[in-house]
Amino acid sequence: MTPFTRRIHQAIDLAARAHAGQVRKDPDVEIPYVAHVCAVAYLLAEHGFSEDVVIAGFLHDVLEDRPEFASQVGEFGQKVVELIRQVSERKVDGQGKIPWKQRKAAYIAHLRTAPPDAKAISCADKIHNMESLLMALERGADVWSSLSAPRHDQLARFEALREALATGWDHPLLGRYDVLFSALREKLGEEPAQGGGT
C-alpha cells in the first residue's frame, strides 16, 4: 500500500476544490464527483503504485474538466502532469465538441501505446466506473438516461478498452476489470463478443 504523504494530502485538497460542485452521473442519487477520483487513487495506492501515480489518480480529470486549475496541478511536477495528459480525452477541436464515439475511439487508440502507469490510472478509472454502474443498476436506477451513449455502445467501449489496456501491459488490476465487466454483461443479459479479450 502506498503510504499517505503530505503531497498526497495536498492532491486530495486540490481534487476536492477542483471538482467542487460537480456530481457523478447517477440519475437517482447525488454523489460528489470527488468520490470518483478518491476511489481511483485508492485502487492505485492499494496496488502499491508510486506517490506520483496515486497523485495523478486523484487529479486525473482536472486538466480535462477544470483547466483553470492547471497551474496548481503543475506544482506536483512534470511526471504527474504527463500522466494526467496521457489519460485525458480531447473533447473539442476547431469545429467544436468532438462526437462521443470519435472521442472514445481516439482515447482507446492512444491507450494501446500509453506507458504502464497511465494504463494503470485508466484501468482504475474504468473499474470504478463499472462498479458504480453495477451499483446503480442494482438500485434499479435508469442509468442509461444519464449517460452519453446507449448501453450497447458503452459495453463495446469497455471491451475495446480492455484490449487496449492489455496491449503490452499485464497487471492484477486487469483481473478486477474482467470480473466487473463480466458481472456487468451478466446483469444486462449480454453475451461476450466473439474473440473478445475478457
C-alpha atoms as a PDB file:
ATOM      1  CA  MET A   1       0.000   0.000   0.000  1.00  0.00           C
ATOM      2  CA  THR A   2       1.384   3.407  -0.938  1.00  0.00           C
ATOM      3  CA  PRO A   3       1.963   5.475   2.215  1.00  0.00           C
ATOM      4  CA  PHE A   4      -0.007   8.637   2.900  1.00  0.00           C
ATOM      5  CA  THR A   5       2.246  11.674   2.403  1.00  0.00           C
ATOM      6  CA  ARG A   6       1.979  15.438   2.537  1.00  0.00           C
ATOM      7  CA  ARG A   7       1.936  15.593  -1.297  1.00  0.00           C
ATOM      8  CA  ILE A   8      -0.945  13.115  -1.405  1.00  0.00           C
ATOM      9  CA  HIS A   9      -2.777  15.205   1.205  1.00  0.00           C
ATOM     10  CA  GLN A  10      -2.252  18.269  -0.994  1.00  0.00           C
ATOM     11  CA  ALA A  11      -3.545  16.361  -4.039  1.00  0.00           C
ATOM     12  CA  ILE A  12      -6.716  15.371  -2.172  1.00  0.00           C
ATOM     13  CA  ASP A  13      -7.293  19.000  -1.214  1.00  0.00           C
ATOM     14  CA  LEU A  14      -6.768  20.170  -4.812  1.00  0.00           C
ATOM     15  CA  ALA A  15      -9.082  17.461  -6.191  1.00  0.00           C
ATOM     16  CA  ALA A  16     -11.796  18.491  -3.716  1.00  0.00           C
ATOM     17  CA  ARG A  17     -11.509  22.150  -4.738  1.00  0.00           C
ATOM     18  CA  ALA A  18     -11.232  21.477  -8.471  1.00  0.00           C
ATOM     19  CA  HIS A  19     -14.285  19.210  -8.552  1.00  0.00           C
ATOM     20  CA  ALA A  20     -16.394  21.280  -6.129  1.00  0.00           C
ATOM     21  CA  GLY A  21     -19.969  21.429  -7.411  1.00  0.00           C
ATOM     22  CA  GLN A  22     -19.517  18.501  -9.822  1.00  0.00           C
ATOM     23  CA  VAL A  23     -21.557  15.340  -9.299  1.00  0.00           C
ATOM     24  CA  ARG A  24     -21.440  11.834 -10.739  1.00  0.00           C
ATOM     25  CA  LYS A  25     -23.889  10.805 -13.487  1.00  0.00           C
ATOM     26  CA  ASP A  26     -26.020   8.622 -11.201  1.00  0.00           C
ATOM     27  CA  PRO A  27     -29.651   9.509 -12.020  1.00  0.00           C
ATOM     28  CA  ASP A  28     -31.081   8.592  -8.604  1.00  0.00           C
ATOM     29  CA  VAL A  29     -28.520   9.852  -6.069  1.00  0.00           C
ATOM     30  CA  GLU A  30     -26.286  12.910  -5.952  1.00  0.00           C
ATOM     31  CA  ILE A  31     -22.693  11.792  -5.378  1.00  0.00           C
ATOM     32  CA  PRO A  32     -19.963  14.457  -5.328  1.00  0.00           C
ATOM     33  CA  TYR A  33     -17.553  13.842  -8.197  1.00  0.00           C
ATOM     34  CA  VAL A  34     -14.537  13.828  -5.874  1.00  0.00           C
ATOM     35  CA  ALA A  35     -15.700  10.397  -4.646  1.00  0.00           C
ATOM     36  CA  HIS A  36     -14.683   9.007  -8.051  1.00  0.00           C
ATOM     37  CA  VAL A  37     -11.135  10.350  -8.073  1.00  0.00           C
ATOM     38  CA  CYS A  38     -10.643   9.216  -4.466  1.00  0.00           C
ATOM     39  CA  ALA A  39     -11.702   5.694  -5.472  1.00  0.00           C
ATOM     40  CA  VAL A  40      -9.307   5.693  -8.441  1.00  0.00           C
ATOM     41  CA  ALA A  41      -6.408   6.862  -6.271  1.00  0.00           C
ATOM     42  CA  TYR A  42      -7.290   4.308  -3.575  1.00  0.00           C
ATOM     43  CA  LEU A  43      -7.149   1.463  -6.097  1.00  0.00           C
ATOM     44  CA  LEU A  44      -3.728   2.643  -7.240  1.00  0.00           C
ATOM     45  CA  ALA A  45      -2.447   3.006  -3.663  1.00  0.00           C
ATOM     46  CA  GLU A  46      -3.862  -0.421  -2.779  1.00  0.00           C
ATOM     47  CA  HIS A  47      -1.704  -1.911  -5.536  1.00  0.00           C
ATOM     48  CA  GLY A  48       1.438  -0.097  -4.385  1.00  0.00           C
ATOM     49  CA  PHE A  49       1.878   2.368  -7.238  1.00  0.00           C
ATOM     50  CA  SER A  50       4.273   5.268  -6.684  1.00  0.00           C
ATOM     51  CA  GLU A  51       3.297   8.509  -4.979  1.00  0.00           C
ATOM     52  CA  ASP A  52       3.239  10.315  -8.363  1.00  0.00           C
ATOM     53  CA  VAL A  53       0.850   7.751  -9.854  1.00  0.00           C
ATOM     54  CA  VAL A  54      -1.502   7.972  -6.861  1.00  0.00           C
ATOM     55  CA  ILE A  55      -1.440  11.786  -7.084  1.00  0.00           C
ATOM     56  CA  ALA A  56      -2.210  11.579 -10.810  1.00  0.00           C
ATOM     57  CA  GLY A  57      -5.124   9.302  -9.859  1.00  0.00           C
ATOM     58  CA  PHE A  58      -6.545  11.992  -7.589  1.00  0.00           C
ATOM     59  CA  LEU A  59      -6.069  14.655 -10.270  1.00  0.00           C
ATOM     60  CA  HIS A  60      -6.700  12.617 -13.435  1.00  0.00           C
ATOM     61  CA  ASP A  61      -9.780  14.593 -14.517  1.00  0.00           C
ATOM     62  CA  VAL A  62      -8.649  18.089 -13.527  1.00  0.00           C
ATOM     63  CA  LEU A  63      -6.906  19.129 -16.763  1.00  0.00           C
ATOM     64  CA  GLU A  64      -9.822  17.773 -18.810  1.00  0.00           C
ATOM     65  CA  ASP A  65     -12.691  19.155 -16.734  1.00  0.00           C
ATOM     66  CA  ARG A  66     -11.224  22.074 -14.774  1.00  0.00           C
ATOM     67  CA  PRO A  67      -8.313  23.511 -16.828  1.00  0.00           C
ATOM     68  CA  GLU A  68      -8.329  26.672 -14.714  1.00  0.00           C
ATOM     69  CA  PHE A  69      -6.514  24.588 -12.060  1.00  0.00           C
ATOM     70  CA  ALA A  70      -3.698  23.586 -14.466  1.00  0.00           C
ATOM     71  CA  SER A  71      -1.043  25.726 -12.797  1.00  0.00           C
ATOM     72  CA  GLN A  72      -1.800  24.140  -9.424  1.00  0.00           C
ATOM     73  CA  VAL A  73      -1.593  20.667 -10.963  1.00  0.00           C
ATOM     74  CA  GLY A  74       1.763  21.699 -12.401  1.00  0.00           C
ATOM     75  CA  GLU A  75       3.107  22.249  -8.886  1.00  0.00           C
ATOM     76  CA  PHE A  76       3.137  18.461  -8.452  1.00  0.00           C
ATOM     77  CA  GLY A  77       5.800  18.132 -11.136  1.00  0.00           C
ATOM     78  CA  GLN A  78       6.173  17.171 -14.769  1.00  0.00           C
ATOM     79  CA  LYS A  79       5.706  13.422 -14.238  1.00  0.00           C
ATOM     80  CA  VAL A  80       2.282  13.933 -12.646  1.00  0.00           C
ATOM     81  CA  VAL A  81       1.250  16.380 -15.370  1.00  0.00           C
ATOM     82  CA  GLU A  82       2.356  13.993 -18.122  1.00  0.00           C
ATOM     83  CA  LEU A  83       0.474  11.058 -16.574  1.00  0.00           C
ATOM     84  CA  ILE A  84      -2.700  13.145 -16.401  1.00  0.00           C
ATOM     85  CA  ARG A  85      -2.263  14.225 -20.028  1.00  0.00           C
ATOM     86  CA  GLN A  86      -1.866  10.573 -21.043  1.00  0.00           C
ATOM     87  CA  VAL A  87      -5.321   9.740 -19.641  1.00  0.00           C
ATOM     88  CA  SER A  88      -7.152  12.936 -20.645  1.00  0.00           C
ATOM     89  CA  GLU A  89      -9.539  12.996 -23.594  1.00  0.00           C
ATOM     90  CA  ARG A  90      -9.584  15.727 -26.191  1.00  0.00           C
ATOM     91  CA  LYS A  91     -13.199  16.904 -26.065  1.00  0.00           C
ATOM     92  CA  VAL A  92     -13.154  19.798 -28.539  1.00  0.00           C
ATOM     93  CA  ASP A  93     -11.409  20.694 -31.775  1.00  0.00           C
ATOM     94  CA  GLY A  94     -11.624  23.553 -34.282  1.00  0.00           C
ATOM     95  CA  GLN A  95     -15.178  22.521 -35.187  1.00  0.00           C
ATOM     96  CA  GLY A  96     -16.436  22.402 -31.590  1.00  0.00           C
ATOM     97  CA  LYS A  97     -17.323  19.423 -29.399  1.00  0.00           C
ATOM     98  CA  ILE A  98     -15.981  16.119 -30.728  1.00  0.00           C
ATOM     99  CA  PRO A  99     -18.703  13.411 -31.058  1.00  0.00           C
ATOM    100  CA  TRP A 100     -18.722  10.767 -28.287  1.00  0.00           C
ATOM    101  CA  LYS A 101     -17.780   7.769 -30.486  1.00  0.00           C
ATOM    102  CA  GLN A 102     -14.954   9.636 -32.206  1.00  0.00           C
ATOM    103  CA  ARG A 103     -13.600  10.898 -28.888  1.00  0.00           C
ATOM    104  CA  LYS A 104     -13.671   7.449 -27.277  1.00  0.00           C
ATOM    105  CA  ALA A 105     -12.069   5.775 -30.319  1.00  0.00           C
ATOM    106  CA  ALA A 106      -9.188   8.268 -30.213  1.00  0.00           C
ATOM    107  CA  TYR A 107      -8.691   7.637 -26.490  1.00  0.00           C
ATOM    108  CA  ILE A 108      -8.655   3.851 -26.969  1.00  0.00           C
ATOM    109  CA  ALA A 109      -6.166   4.110 -29.842  1.00  0.00           C
ATOM    110  CA  HIS A 110      -3.885   6.259 -27.699  1.00  0.00           C
ATOM    111  CA  LEU A 111      -4.211   3.916 -24.709  1.00  0.00           C
ATOM    112  CA  ARG A 112      -2.743   0.991 -26.672  1.00  0.00           C
ATOM    113  CA  THR A 113       0.687   2.640 -26.650  1.00  0.00           C
ATOM    114  CA  ALA A 114       0.396   4.552 -23.374  1.00  0.00           C
ATOM    115  CA  PRO A 115       3.025   3.903 -20.673  1.00  0.00           C
ATOM    116  CA  PRO A 116       2.210   1.335 -17.956  1.00  0.00           C
ATOM    117  CA  ASP A 117       1.499   3.886 -15.221  1.00  0.00           C
ATOM    118  CA  ALA A 118      -1.007   5.674 -17.463  1.00  0.00           C
ATOM    119  CA  LYS A 119      -2.679   2.338 -18.279  1.00  0.00           C
ATOM    120  CA  ALA A 120      -2.968   1.690 -14.539  1.00  0.00           C
ATOM    121  CA  ILE A 121      -4.722   5.028 -13.945  1.00  0.00           C
ATOM    122  CA  SER A 122      -7.094   4.422 -16.859  1.00  0.00           C
ATOM    123  CA  CYS A 123      -7.799   0.879 -15.675  1.00  0.00           C
ATOM    124  CA  ALA A 124      -8.574   2.037 -12.125  1.00  0.00           C
ATOM    125  CA  ASP A 125     -10.804   4.768 -13.565  1.00  0.00           C
ATOM    126  CA  LYS A 126     -12.836   2.277 -15.601  1.00  0.00           C
ATOM    127  CA  ILE A 127     -13.011  -0.214 -12.713  1.00  0.00           C
ATOM    128  CA  HIS A 128     -14.679   2.403 -10.551  1.00  0.00           C
ATOM    129  CA  ASN A 129     -16.985   3.479 -13.382  1.00  0.00           C
ATOM    130  CA  MET A 130     -18.137  -0.105 -13.951  1.00  0.00           C
ATOM    131  CA  GLU A 131     -18.618  -0.725 -10.243  1.00  0.00           C
ATOM    132  CA  SER A 132     -20.653   2.489  -9.958  1.00  0.00           C
ATOM    133  CA  LEU A 133     -22.749   1.410 -12.942  1.00  0.00           C
ATOM    134  CA  LEU A 134     -23.399  -2.004 -11.388  1.00  0.00           C
ATOM    135  CA  MET A 135     -24.392  -0.465  -8.059  1.00  0.00           C
ATOM    136  CA  ALA A 136     -26.796   1.921  -9.787  1.00  0.00           C
ATOM    137  CA  LEU A 137     -28.348  -0.951 -11.758  1.00  0.00           C
ATOM    138  CA  GLU A 138     -28.750  -2.918  -8.535  1.00  0.00           C
ATOM    139  CA  ARG A 139     -30.624   0.055  -7.051  1.00  0.00           C
ATOM    140  CA  GLY A 140     -32.951  -0.072 -10.054  1.00  0.00           C
ATOM    141  CA  ALA A 141     -31.772   3.271 -11.441  1.00  0.00           C
ATOM    142  CA  ASP A 142     -32.361   4.168 -15.096  1.00  0.00           C
ATOM    143  CA  VAL A 143     -28.636   4.583 -15.710  1.00  0.00           C
ATOM    144  CA  TRP A 144     -28.803   4.873 -19.481  1.00  0.00           C
ATOM    145  CA  SER A 145     -30.858   8.062 -19.282  1.00  0.00           C
ATOM    146  CA  SER A 146     -27.905   9.885 -17.715  1.00  0.00           C
ATOM    147  CA  LEU A 147     -25.092   8.564 -19.943  1.00  0.00           C
ATOM    148  CA  SER A 148     -23.833   9.960 -23.237  1.00  0.00           C
ATOM    149  CA  ALA A 149     -24.303   6.743 -25.246  1.00  0.00           C
ATOM    150  CA  PRO A 150     -26.640   3.695 -25.197  1.00  0.00           C
ATOM    151  CA  ARG A 151     -25.731   0.549 -23.324  1.00  0.00           C
ATOM    152  CA  HIS A 152     -24.504  -1.405 -26.379  1.00  0.00           C
ATOM    153  CA  ASP A 153     -22.017   1.351 -27.204  1.00  0.00           C
ATOM    154  CA  GLN A 154     -20.922   1.584 -23.580  1.00  0.00           C
ATOM    155  CA  LEU A 155     -20.292  -2.165 -23.366  1.00  0.00           C
ATOM    156  CA  ALA A 156     -18.419  -2.151 -26.684  1.00  0.00           C
ATOM    157  CA  ARG A 157     -16.255   0.666 -25.338  1.00  0.00           C
ATOM    158  CA  PHE A 158     -15.417  -1.261 -22.142  1.00  0.00           C
ATOM    159  CA  GLU A 159     -14.467  -4.285 -24.266  1.00  0.00           C
ATOM    160  CA  ALA A 160     -12.244  -2.231 -26.581  1.00  0.00           C
ATOM    161  CA  LEU A 161     -10.655  -0.538 -23.587  1.00  0.00           C
ATOM    162  CA  ARG A 162      -9.811  -3.931 -22.082  1.00  0.00           C
ATOM    163  CA  GLU A 163      -7.998  -4.950 -25.266  1.00  0.00           C
ATOM    164  CA  ALA A 164      -6.108  -1.632 -25.397  1.00  0.00           C
ATOM    165  CA  LEU A 165      -5.101  -1.832 -21.731  1.00  0.00           C
ATOM    166  CA  ALA A 166      -3.719  -5.370 -22.172  1.00  0.00           C
ATOM    167  CA  THR A 167      -1.544  -4.372 -25.154  1.00  0.00           C
ATOM    168  CA  GLY A 168       1.942  -4.655 -23.678  1.00  0.00           C
ATOM    169  CA  TRP A 169       0.718  -4.469 -20.068  1.00  0.00           C
ATOM    170  CA  ASP A 170      -0.224  -7.159 -17.579  1.00  0.00           C
ATOM    171  CA  HIS A 171      -1.306  -6.370 -14.029  1.00  0.00           C
ATOM    172  CA  PRO A 172      -3.706  -7.719 -11.371  1.00  0.00           C
ATOM    173  CA  LEU A 173      -5.943  -4.682 -11.967  1.00  0.00           C
ATOM    174  CA  LEU A 174      -6.920  -6.290 -15.274  1.00  0.00           C
ATOM    175  CA  GLY A 175      -8.331  -9.279 -13.388  1.00  0.00           C
ATOM    176  CA  ARG A 176     -10.533  -6.939 -11.374  1.00  0.00           C
ATOM    177  CA  TYR A 177     -11.599  -5.234 -14.601  1.00  0.00           C
ATOM    178  CA  ASP A 178     -12.579  -8.633 -16.054  1.00  0.00           C
ATOM    179  CA  VAL A 179     -14.666  -9.602 -13.015  1.00  0.00           C
ATOM    180  CA  LEU A 180     -16.625  -6.356 -13.128  1.00  0.00           C
ATOM    181  CA  PHE A 181     -17.086  -6.400 -16.887  1.00  0.00           C
ATOM    182  CA  SER A 182     -18.400  -9.981 -16.752  1.00  0.00           C
ATOM    183  CA  ALA A 183     -20.770  -9.019 -13.922  1.00  0.00           C
ATOM    184  CA  LEU A 184     -21.983  -6.028 -15.908  1.00  0.00           C
ATOM    185  CA  ARG A 185     -22.647  -8.119 -19.024  1.00  0.00           C
ATOM    186  CA  GLU A 186     -24.438 -10.737 -16.941  1.00  0.00           C
ATOM    187  CA  LYS A 187     -26.564  -8.074 -15.263  1.00  0.00           C
ATOM    188  CA  LEU A 188     -27.578  -6.775 -18.680  1.00  0.00           C
ATOM    189  CA  GLY A 189     -28.054 -10.225 -20.212  1.00  0.00           C
ATOM    190  CA  GLU A 190     -25.345  -9.581 -22.802  1.00  0.00           C
ATOM    191  CA  GLU A 191     -23.244 -12.332 -24.389  1.00  0.00           C
ATOM    192  CA  PRO A 192     -19.466 -11.803 -24.723  1.00  0.00           C
ATOM    193  CA  ALA A 193     -18.334 -10.716 -28.176  1.00  0.00           C
ATOM    194  CA  GLN A 194     -16.672 -13.453 -30.242  1.00  0.00           C
ATOM    195  CA  GLY A 195     -12.905 -13.250 -29.888  1.00  0.00           C
ATOM    196  CA  GLY A 196     -13.188 -10.690 -27.085  1.00  0.00           C
ATOM    197  CA  GLY A 197     -10.300 -10.282 -24.694  1.00  0.00           C
ATOM    198  CA  THR A 198     -12.271 -10.654 -21.486  1.00  0.00           C
END
